[in-house]
N, C-alpha and C. Protein backbone atom coordinates (compact mmCIF):
# COMPACT_ATOMS: atom_id res chain seq x y z
N UNK A 1 -1.04 -20.71 28.15
CA UNK A 1 -1.57 -21.35 26.96
C UNK A 1 -3.00 -20.85 26.71
N UNK A 2 -3.24 -20.41 25.53
CA UNK A 2 -4.55 -19.89 25.17
C UNK A 2 -5.36 -21.03 24.57
N UNK A 3 -6.55 -21.19 25.11
CA UNK A 3 -7.41 -22.26 24.64
C UNK A 3 -8.40 -21.79 23.59
N UNK A 4 -9.20 -22.72 23.13
CA UNK A 4 -10.22 -22.39 22.14
C UNK A 4 -11.34 -21.58 22.79
N UNK A 5 -12.15 -20.93 21.97
CA UNK A 5 -13.26 -20.15 22.52
C UNK A 5 -14.29 -21.05 23.20
N UNK A 6 -15.02 -20.49 24.17
CA UNK A 6 -16.02 -21.29 24.87
C UNK A 6 -17.28 -21.46 24.04
N UNK A 7 -18.13 -22.35 24.47
CA UNK A 7 -19.46 -22.46 23.89
C UNK A 7 -20.28 -21.36 24.56
N UNK A 8 -20.77 -20.41 23.79
CA UNK A 8 -21.49 -19.28 24.36
C UNK A 8 -20.52 -18.30 25.02
N UNK A 9 -20.99 -17.63 26.05
CA UNK A 9 -20.13 -16.69 26.77
C UNK A 9 -19.93 -15.35 26.08
N UNK A 10 -20.71 -15.06 25.06
CA UNK A 10 -20.53 -13.82 24.32
C UNK A 10 -20.80 -12.57 25.16
N UNK A 11 -21.52 -12.72 26.26
CA UNK A 11 -21.79 -11.58 27.13
C UNK A 11 -20.51 -10.98 27.71
N UNK A 12 -19.42 -11.75 27.68
CA UNK A 12 -18.14 -11.26 28.20
C UNK A 12 -17.40 -10.36 27.20
N UNK A 13 -17.86 -10.33 25.97
CA UNK A 13 -17.21 -9.47 24.97
C UNK A 13 -17.36 -8.01 25.34
N UNK A 14 -16.26 -7.28 25.29
CA UNK A 14 -16.33 -5.83 25.46
C UNK A 14 -16.55 -5.24 24.07
N UNK A 15 -17.59 -4.44 23.93
CA UNK A 15 -17.95 -3.88 22.63
C UNK A 15 -17.57 -2.41 22.58
N UNK A 16 -16.87 -2.05 21.54
CA UNK A 16 -16.46 -0.68 21.29
C UNK A 16 -17.37 -0.11 20.20
N UNK A 17 -17.94 1.07 20.43
CA UNK A 17 -18.76 1.73 19.42
C UNK A 17 -17.86 2.72 18.68
N UNK A 18 -17.72 2.51 17.38
CA UNK A 18 -16.93 3.41 16.54
C UNK A 18 -17.91 4.34 15.84
N UNK A 19 -17.80 5.65 16.08
CA UNK A 19 -18.79 6.58 15.52
C UNK A 19 -18.76 6.64 13.99
N UNK A 20 -19.92 6.93 13.41
CA UNK A 20 -19.99 7.18 11.97
C UNK A 20 -19.04 8.32 11.65
N UNK A 21 -18.42 8.26 10.48
CA UNK A 21 -17.47 9.28 10.06
C UNK A 21 -16.03 8.98 10.43
N UNK A 22 -15.81 7.93 11.21
CA UNK A 22 -14.44 7.55 11.57
C UNK A 22 -13.68 7.12 10.32
N UNK A 23 -12.46 7.62 10.19
CA UNK A 23 -11.63 7.29 9.02
C UNK A 23 -10.63 6.20 9.37
N UNK A 24 -10.42 5.29 8.43
CA UNK A 24 -9.47 4.19 8.55
C UNK A 24 -8.56 4.22 7.33
N UNK A 25 -7.46 3.49 7.41
CA UNK A 25 -6.49 3.45 6.31
C UNK A 25 -6.20 2.01 5.93
N UNK A 26 -5.89 1.84 4.65
CA UNK A 26 -5.55 0.50 4.16
C UNK A 26 -4.65 0.63 2.95
N UNK A 27 -3.65 -0.22 2.89
CA UNK A 27 -2.78 -0.31 1.73
C UNK A 27 -3.09 -1.63 1.04
N UNK A 28 -3.41 -1.54 -0.26
CA UNK A 28 -3.87 -2.71 -1.01
C UNK A 28 -3.10 -2.80 -2.32
N UNK A 29 -2.85 -4.01 -2.77
CA UNK A 29 -2.21 -4.22 -4.07
C UNK A 29 -3.12 -3.68 -5.17
N UNK A 30 -2.52 -3.05 -6.17
CA UNK A 30 -3.28 -2.44 -7.27
C UNK A 30 -4.20 -3.43 -7.99
N UNK A 31 -3.81 -4.69 -8.04
CA UNK A 31 -4.61 -5.67 -8.79
C UNK A 31 -6.02 -5.82 -8.24
N UNK A 32 -6.23 -5.45 -6.97
CA UNK A 32 -7.56 -5.59 -6.37
C UNK A 32 -8.49 -4.45 -6.77
N UNK A 33 -7.96 -3.28 -7.05
CA UNK A 33 -8.76 -2.17 -7.55
C UNK A 33 -9.72 -1.53 -6.57
N UNK A 34 -9.72 -1.96 -5.32
CA UNK A 34 -10.61 -1.38 -4.32
C UNK A 34 -10.02 -1.59 -2.92
N UNK A 35 -10.32 -0.67 -2.04
CA UNK A 35 -9.88 -0.82 -0.65
C UNK A 35 -10.69 -1.89 0.07
N UNK A 36 -11.82 -2.25 -0.50
CA UNK A 36 -12.73 -3.17 0.17
C UNK A 36 -12.53 -4.63 -0.25
N UNK A 37 -11.44 -4.92 -0.97
CA UNK A 37 -11.15 -6.30 -1.34
C UNK A 37 -10.95 -7.14 -0.08
N UNK A 38 -11.60 -8.29 -0.05
CA UNK A 38 -11.47 -9.20 1.09
C UNK A 38 -11.21 -10.60 0.56
N UNK A 39 -10.11 -11.21 0.99
CA UNK A 39 -9.83 -12.60 0.64
C UNK A 39 -10.37 -13.52 1.73
N UNK A 40 -10.58 -14.77 1.39
CA UNK A 40 -11.08 -15.75 2.36
C UNK A 40 -10.05 -16.83 2.67
N UNK A 41 -8.82 -16.61 2.23
CA UNK A 41 -7.78 -17.62 2.40
C UNK A 41 -7.40 -17.77 3.87
N UNK A 42 -6.82 -18.89 4.18
CA UNK A 42 -6.44 -19.20 5.57
C UNK A 42 -5.15 -18.51 5.99
N UNK A 43 -4.54 -17.70 5.11
CA UNK A 43 -3.27 -17.06 5.47
C UNK A 43 -3.46 -15.72 6.18
N UNK A 44 -4.67 -15.40 6.59
CA UNK A 44 -4.93 -14.18 7.34
C UNK A 44 -5.38 -14.54 8.76
N UNK A 45 -4.87 -13.82 9.72
CA UNK A 45 -5.07 -14.14 11.14
C UNK A 45 -6.53 -14.31 11.53
N UNK A 46 -7.44 -13.47 11.05
CA UNK A 46 -8.81 -13.49 11.54
C UNK A 46 -9.81 -14.06 10.54
N UNK A 47 -9.37 -14.50 9.37
CA UNK A 47 -10.33 -15.08 8.41
C UNK A 47 -10.99 -16.32 8.99
N UNK A 48 -12.19 -16.59 8.51
CA UNK A 48 -12.95 -17.74 8.98
C UNK A 48 -12.19 -19.03 8.68
N UNK A 49 -12.04 -19.91 9.67
CA UNK A 49 -11.32 -21.16 9.44
C UNK A 49 -12.03 -22.07 8.43
N UNK A 50 -13.32 -21.85 8.21
CA UNK A 50 -14.08 -22.65 7.25
C UNK A 50 -14.16 -21.97 5.88
N UNK A 51 -13.54 -20.80 5.75
CA UNK A 51 -13.52 -20.09 4.47
C UNK A 51 -14.83 -19.45 4.08
N UNK A 52 -15.75 -19.28 5.01
CA UNK A 52 -17.06 -18.69 4.69
C UNK A 52 -17.01 -17.17 4.57
N UNK A 53 -16.10 -16.55 5.27
CA UNK A 53 -15.95 -15.09 5.19
C UNK A 53 -14.49 -14.70 5.33
N UNK A 54 -14.18 -13.54 4.81
CA UNK A 54 -12.86 -12.96 4.98
C UNK A 54 -12.99 -11.74 5.88
N UNK A 55 -11.87 -11.15 6.21
CA UNK A 55 -11.86 -10.01 7.11
C UNK A 55 -11.22 -8.83 6.40
N UNK A 56 -11.84 -7.68 6.51
CA UNK A 56 -11.32 -6.44 5.96
C UNK A 56 -10.41 -5.82 7.01
N UNK A 57 -9.11 -5.78 6.74
CA UNK A 57 -8.15 -5.23 7.68
C UNK A 57 -8.02 -3.74 7.43
N UNK A 58 -8.33 -2.93 8.46
CA UNK A 58 -8.21 -1.48 8.39
C UNK A 58 -7.37 -1.02 9.57
N UNK A 59 -6.69 0.10 9.40
CA UNK A 59 -5.83 0.65 10.45
C UNK A 59 -6.27 2.06 10.78
N UNK A 60 -6.04 2.47 12.03
CA UNK A 60 -6.42 3.83 12.41
C UNK A 60 -5.32 4.85 12.13
N UNK A 61 -4.19 4.40 11.61
CA UNK A 61 -3.09 5.31 11.24
C UNK A 61 -2.41 4.77 9.99
N UNK A 62 -1.89 5.66 9.17
CA UNK A 62 -1.17 5.26 7.96
C UNK A 62 0.02 4.37 8.31
N UNK A 63 0.71 4.71 9.40
CA UNK A 63 1.88 3.93 9.82
C UNK A 63 1.50 2.49 10.16
N UNK A 64 0.35 2.31 10.77
CA UNK A 64 -0.11 0.97 11.11
C UNK A 64 -0.46 0.19 9.84
N UNK A 65 -1.11 0.85 8.89
CA UNK A 65 -1.42 0.20 7.61
C UNK A 65 -0.13 -0.21 6.90
N UNK A 66 0.88 0.63 6.97
CA UNK A 66 2.18 0.33 6.36
C UNK A 66 2.80 -0.91 7.02
N UNK A 67 2.81 -0.94 8.34
CA UNK A 67 3.38 -2.08 9.07
C UNK A 67 2.60 -3.35 8.78
N UNK A 68 1.27 -3.26 8.71
CA UNK A 68 0.43 -4.44 8.44
C UNK A 68 0.70 -4.99 7.04
N UNK A 69 0.97 -4.10 6.10
CA UNK A 69 1.19 -4.52 4.71
C UNK A 69 2.61 -5.01 4.46
N UNK A 70 3.59 -4.26 4.94
CA UNK A 70 4.97 -4.56 4.58
C UNK A 70 5.78 -5.23 5.69
N UNK A 71 5.23 -5.35 6.89
CA UNK A 71 6.01 -5.87 8.01
C UNK A 71 6.00 -7.36 8.20
N UNK A 72 5.10 -8.08 7.51
CA UNK A 72 4.95 -9.51 7.77
C UNK A 72 6.20 -10.33 7.48
N UNK A 73 6.81 -10.13 6.34
CA UNK A 73 7.95 -10.98 5.99
C UNK A 73 9.29 -10.29 6.17
N UNK A 74 9.32 -9.13 6.82
CA UNK A 74 10.58 -8.42 7.03
C UNK A 74 11.60 -9.27 7.79
N UNK A 75 11.21 -9.98 8.87
CA UNK A 75 12.21 -10.79 9.57
C UNK A 75 12.82 -11.89 8.68
N UNK A 76 12.04 -12.42 7.74
CA UNK A 76 12.57 -13.47 6.87
C UNK A 76 13.48 -12.87 5.79
N UNK A 77 13.21 -11.64 5.38
CA UNK A 77 13.98 -11.02 4.30
C UNK A 77 15.25 -10.33 4.78
N UNK A 78 15.27 -9.91 6.05
CA UNK A 78 16.40 -9.14 6.57
C UNK A 78 16.86 -9.70 7.91
N UNK A 79 18.16 -9.88 8.11
CA UNK A 79 18.67 -10.31 9.42
C UNK A 79 18.29 -9.29 10.49
N UNK A 80 18.25 -9.71 11.76
CA UNK A 80 17.80 -8.82 12.84
C UNK A 80 18.48 -7.45 12.90
N UNK A 81 19.78 -7.38 12.70
CA UNK A 81 20.47 -6.10 12.83
C UNK A 81 20.62 -5.36 11.50
N UNK A 82 20.15 -5.94 10.42
CA UNK A 82 20.29 -5.30 9.11
C UNK A 82 19.33 -4.13 8.98
N UNK A 83 19.69 -3.19 8.12
CA UNK A 83 18.80 -2.08 7.81
C UNK A 83 17.61 -2.62 7.02
N UNK A 84 16.43 -2.21 7.42
CA UNK A 84 15.21 -2.70 6.76
C UNK A 84 14.79 -1.72 5.68
N UNK A 85 14.23 -2.24 4.59
CA UNK A 85 13.77 -1.37 3.51
C UNK A 85 12.64 -2.05 2.75
N UNK A 86 11.89 -1.24 2.02
CA UNK A 86 10.85 -1.74 1.12
C UNK A 86 11.24 -1.27 -0.27
N UNK A 87 11.26 -2.19 -1.21
CA UNK A 87 11.64 -1.91 -2.58
C UNK A 87 10.65 -0.94 -3.23
N UNK A 88 11.14 -0.01 -4.07
CA UNK A 88 10.26 0.94 -4.75
C UNK A 88 9.23 0.24 -5.63
N UNK A 89 9.61 -0.83 -6.26
CA UNK A 89 8.68 -1.58 -7.10
C UNK A 89 7.51 -2.08 -6.25
N UNK A 90 7.85 -2.61 -5.07
CA UNK A 90 6.82 -3.10 -4.15
C UNK A 90 5.89 -1.96 -3.71
N UNK A 91 6.46 -0.80 -3.43
CA UNK A 91 5.65 0.36 -3.06
C UNK A 91 4.74 0.78 -4.21
N UNK A 92 5.29 0.76 -5.42
CA UNK A 92 4.52 1.17 -6.60
C UNK A 92 3.37 0.25 -6.93
N UNK A 93 3.40 -0.97 -6.42
CA UNK A 93 2.32 -1.93 -6.68
C UNK A 93 1.14 -1.76 -5.72
N UNK A 94 1.26 -0.83 -4.78
CA UNK A 94 0.24 -0.67 -3.75
C UNK A 94 -0.42 0.71 -3.83
N UNK A 95 -1.64 0.76 -3.32
CA UNK A 95 -2.38 2.02 -3.21
C UNK A 95 -2.78 2.22 -1.76
N UNK A 96 -2.70 3.45 -1.30
CA UNK A 96 -3.14 3.81 0.05
C UNK A 96 -4.55 4.37 -0.05
N UNK A 97 -5.46 3.79 0.70
CA UNK A 97 -6.86 4.23 0.71
C UNK A 97 -7.23 4.78 2.09
N UNK A 98 -8.17 5.68 2.07
CA UNK A 98 -8.81 6.15 3.30
C UNK A 98 -10.27 5.70 3.21
N UNK A 99 -10.72 4.97 4.21
CA UNK A 99 -12.07 4.42 4.24
C UNK A 99 -12.81 5.09 5.39
N UNK A 100 -14.00 5.61 5.10
CA UNK A 100 -14.80 6.28 6.12
C UNK A 100 -16.08 5.50 6.37
N UNK A 101 -16.39 5.32 7.63
CA UNK A 101 -17.62 4.62 8.02
C UNK A 101 -18.80 5.57 7.91
N UNK A 102 -19.86 5.14 7.26
CA UNK A 102 -21.07 5.96 7.13
C UNK A 102 -22.09 5.67 8.22
N UNK A 103 -21.81 4.69 9.04
CA UNK A 103 -22.68 4.40 10.19
C UNK A 103 -21.78 3.98 11.35
N UNK A 104 -22.32 4.03 12.53
CA UNK A 104 -21.57 3.57 13.70
C UNK A 104 -21.31 2.08 13.58
N UNK A 105 -20.16 1.64 14.04
CA UNK A 105 -19.80 0.22 14.01
C UNK A 105 -19.70 -0.31 15.44
N UNK A 106 -20.05 -1.57 15.60
CA UNK A 106 -19.94 -2.26 16.89
C UNK A 106 -18.82 -3.29 16.75
N UNK A 107 -17.74 -3.05 17.48
CA UNK A 107 -16.52 -3.82 17.32
C UNK A 107 -16.18 -4.56 18.61
N UNK A 108 -15.83 -5.84 18.51
CA UNK A 108 -15.35 -6.60 19.67
C UNK A 108 -13.93 -6.14 19.98
N UNK A 109 -13.70 -5.75 21.21
CA UNK A 109 -12.40 -5.24 21.63
C UNK A 109 -11.53 -6.41 22.12
N UNK A 110 -10.53 -6.75 21.32
CA UNK A 110 -9.60 -7.82 21.70
C UNK A 110 -8.23 -7.22 21.98
N UNK A 111 -8.21 -6.31 22.91
CA UNK A 111 -6.98 -5.72 23.42
C UNK A 111 -7.27 -5.25 24.83
N UNK A 112 -6.23 -5.14 25.65
CA UNK A 112 -6.38 -4.65 27.01
C UNK A 112 -7.49 -5.35 27.79
N UNK A 113 -8.41 -4.54 28.32
CA UNK A 113 -9.53 -5.03 29.13
C UNK A 113 -10.38 -6.06 28.39
N UNK A 114 -10.53 -5.86 27.07
CA UNK A 114 -11.33 -6.80 26.28
C UNK A 114 -10.75 -8.20 26.29
N UNK A 115 -9.42 -8.30 26.23
CA UNK A 115 -8.77 -9.62 26.32
C UNK A 115 -8.92 -10.20 27.72
N UNK A 116 -8.70 -9.36 28.73
CA UNK A 116 -8.76 -9.83 30.12
C UNK A 116 -10.14 -10.39 30.45
N UNK A 117 -11.20 -9.75 29.96
CA UNK A 117 -12.56 -10.22 30.25
C UNK A 117 -12.80 -11.62 29.69
N UNK A 118 -12.06 -11.99 28.66
CA UNK A 118 -12.21 -13.31 28.04
C UNK A 118 -11.14 -14.29 28.53
N UNK A 119 -10.35 -13.85 29.53
CA UNK A 119 -9.26 -14.66 30.07
C UNK A 119 -8.24 -14.98 28.99
N UNK A 120 -7.97 -13.99 28.15
CA UNK A 120 -6.98 -14.12 27.08
C UNK A 120 -5.83 -13.16 27.33
N UNK A 121 -4.74 -13.37 26.61
CA UNK A 121 -3.65 -12.41 26.66
C UNK A 121 -3.13 -12.18 25.24
N UNK A 122 -2.08 -11.42 25.12
CA UNK A 122 -1.56 -11.03 23.81
C UNK A 122 -1.05 -12.22 23.01
N UNK A 123 -0.91 -13.37 23.64
CA UNK A 123 -0.48 -14.57 22.91
C UNK A 123 -1.41 -14.90 21.75
N UNK A 124 -2.69 -14.60 21.90
CA UNK A 124 -3.66 -14.83 20.82
C UNK A 124 -3.32 -13.98 19.59
N UNK A 125 -2.75 -12.80 19.84
CA UNK A 125 -2.46 -11.87 18.76
C UNK A 125 -1.06 -12.05 18.19
N UNK A 126 -0.19 -12.71 18.93
CA UNK A 126 1.20 -12.83 18.53
C UNK A 126 1.55 -14.17 17.88
N UNK A 127 0.67 -15.13 17.97
CA UNK A 127 0.97 -16.46 17.45
C UNK A 127 1.12 -16.44 15.93
N UNK A 128 2.04 -17.24 15.43
CA UNK A 128 2.19 -17.35 13.98
C UNK A 128 1.33 -18.49 13.42
N UNK A 129 0.74 -19.28 14.32
CA UNK A 129 -0.21 -20.31 13.93
C UNK A 129 -1.60 -19.67 13.97
N UNK A 130 -2.18 -19.42 12.82
CA UNK A 130 -3.43 -18.67 12.74
C UNK A 130 -4.67 -19.49 13.06
N UNK A 131 -4.54 -20.78 13.29
CA UNK A 131 -5.72 -21.62 13.56
C UNK A 131 -6.50 -21.13 14.78
N UNK A 132 -5.79 -20.77 15.84
CA UNK A 132 -6.47 -20.34 17.07
C UNK A 132 -7.16 -18.97 16.91
N UNK A 133 -6.47 -17.94 16.41
CA UNK A 133 -7.19 -16.68 16.20
C UNK A 133 -8.37 -16.83 15.24
N UNK A 134 -8.25 -17.70 14.27
CA UNK A 134 -9.36 -17.91 13.33
C UNK A 134 -10.57 -18.53 14.04
N UNK A 135 -10.32 -19.41 14.98
CA UNK A 135 -11.43 -20.00 15.75
C UNK A 135 -12.09 -18.93 16.62
N UNK A 136 -11.29 -18.03 17.21
CA UNK A 136 -11.85 -16.94 18.00
C UNK A 136 -12.61 -15.97 17.09
N UNK A 137 -12.15 -15.76 15.89
CA UNK A 137 -12.86 -14.91 14.93
C UNK A 137 -14.24 -15.47 14.64
N UNK A 138 -14.31 -16.78 14.41
CA UNK A 138 -15.60 -17.43 14.15
C UNK A 138 -16.50 -17.27 15.36
N UNK A 139 -15.95 -17.37 16.57
CA UNK A 139 -16.72 -17.21 17.80
C UNK A 139 -17.29 -15.80 17.90
N UNK A 140 -16.47 -14.79 17.63
CA UNK A 140 -16.95 -13.40 17.64
C UNK A 140 -18.03 -13.22 16.58
N UNK A 141 -17.79 -13.78 15.40
CA UNK A 141 -18.75 -13.67 14.29
C UNK A 141 -20.11 -14.27 14.68
N UNK A 142 -20.10 -15.31 15.49
CA UNK A 142 -21.33 -15.99 15.91
C UNK A 142 -22.05 -15.29 17.06
N UNK A 143 -21.49 -14.20 17.55
CA UNK A 143 -22.10 -13.49 18.67
C UNK A 143 -23.52 -13.04 18.32
N UNK A 144 -24.47 -13.20 19.25
CA UNK A 144 -25.83 -12.75 18.98
C UNK A 144 -25.94 -11.23 18.83
N UNK A 145 -24.88 -10.49 19.18
CA UNK A 145 -24.90 -9.04 19.05
C UNK A 145 -24.65 -8.55 17.63
N UNK A 146 -24.40 -9.45 16.69
CA UNK A 146 -24.15 -9.07 15.29
C UNK A 146 -23.11 -7.98 15.20
N UNK A 147 -21.90 -8.27 15.65
CA UNK A 147 -20.80 -7.31 15.65
C UNK A 147 -20.25 -7.11 14.24
N UNK A 148 -19.66 -5.93 14.04
CA UNK A 148 -19.11 -5.59 12.73
C UNK A 148 -17.65 -6.02 12.57
N UNK A 149 -16.96 -6.30 13.66
CA UNK A 149 -15.56 -6.66 13.51
C UNK A 149 -14.85 -6.81 14.83
N UNK A 150 -13.53 -6.81 14.73
CA UNK A 150 -12.63 -7.00 15.87
C UNK A 150 -11.60 -5.88 15.86
N UNK A 151 -11.33 -5.32 17.02
CA UNK A 151 -10.23 -4.36 17.14
C UNK A 151 -9.14 -5.03 17.97
N UNK A 152 -7.93 -5.02 17.43
CA UNK A 152 -6.80 -5.60 18.13
C UNK A 152 -5.58 -4.72 17.87
N UNK A 153 -4.57 -4.80 18.75
CA UNK A 153 -3.40 -3.92 18.56
C UNK A 153 -2.52 -4.38 17.41
């Protein structure tokens, strides 16, 4: 069972430095008009539980951006053994962006060793109840190190 974040304890965060010039990918609905659109709704895993900030989801591979965009409701739309597909209309409503960092980023590592240092496991990343990851997001956001984001698998 994964518990809530501790009071303090930010020194246990493993920080990953992402070099300037690193490219990321994102698939966004055309209505947003930018790769940098960020919503603050509670339906995103890492958004602030108090709605004060949203999270910009970026992927290090086009395939990951595709899975992040189109994979959420696949189990509800298709039985387990059925062939999976994405409708052309749905594809046509989206744009693929490449986002490049112009400065180095400091990212909290919430995978592998980064999870272990916080006494967490992949359950934090796999839960369909977003309340707990959102509380951990707020905890990372409150870090005195002024981190730029979270990296998770």
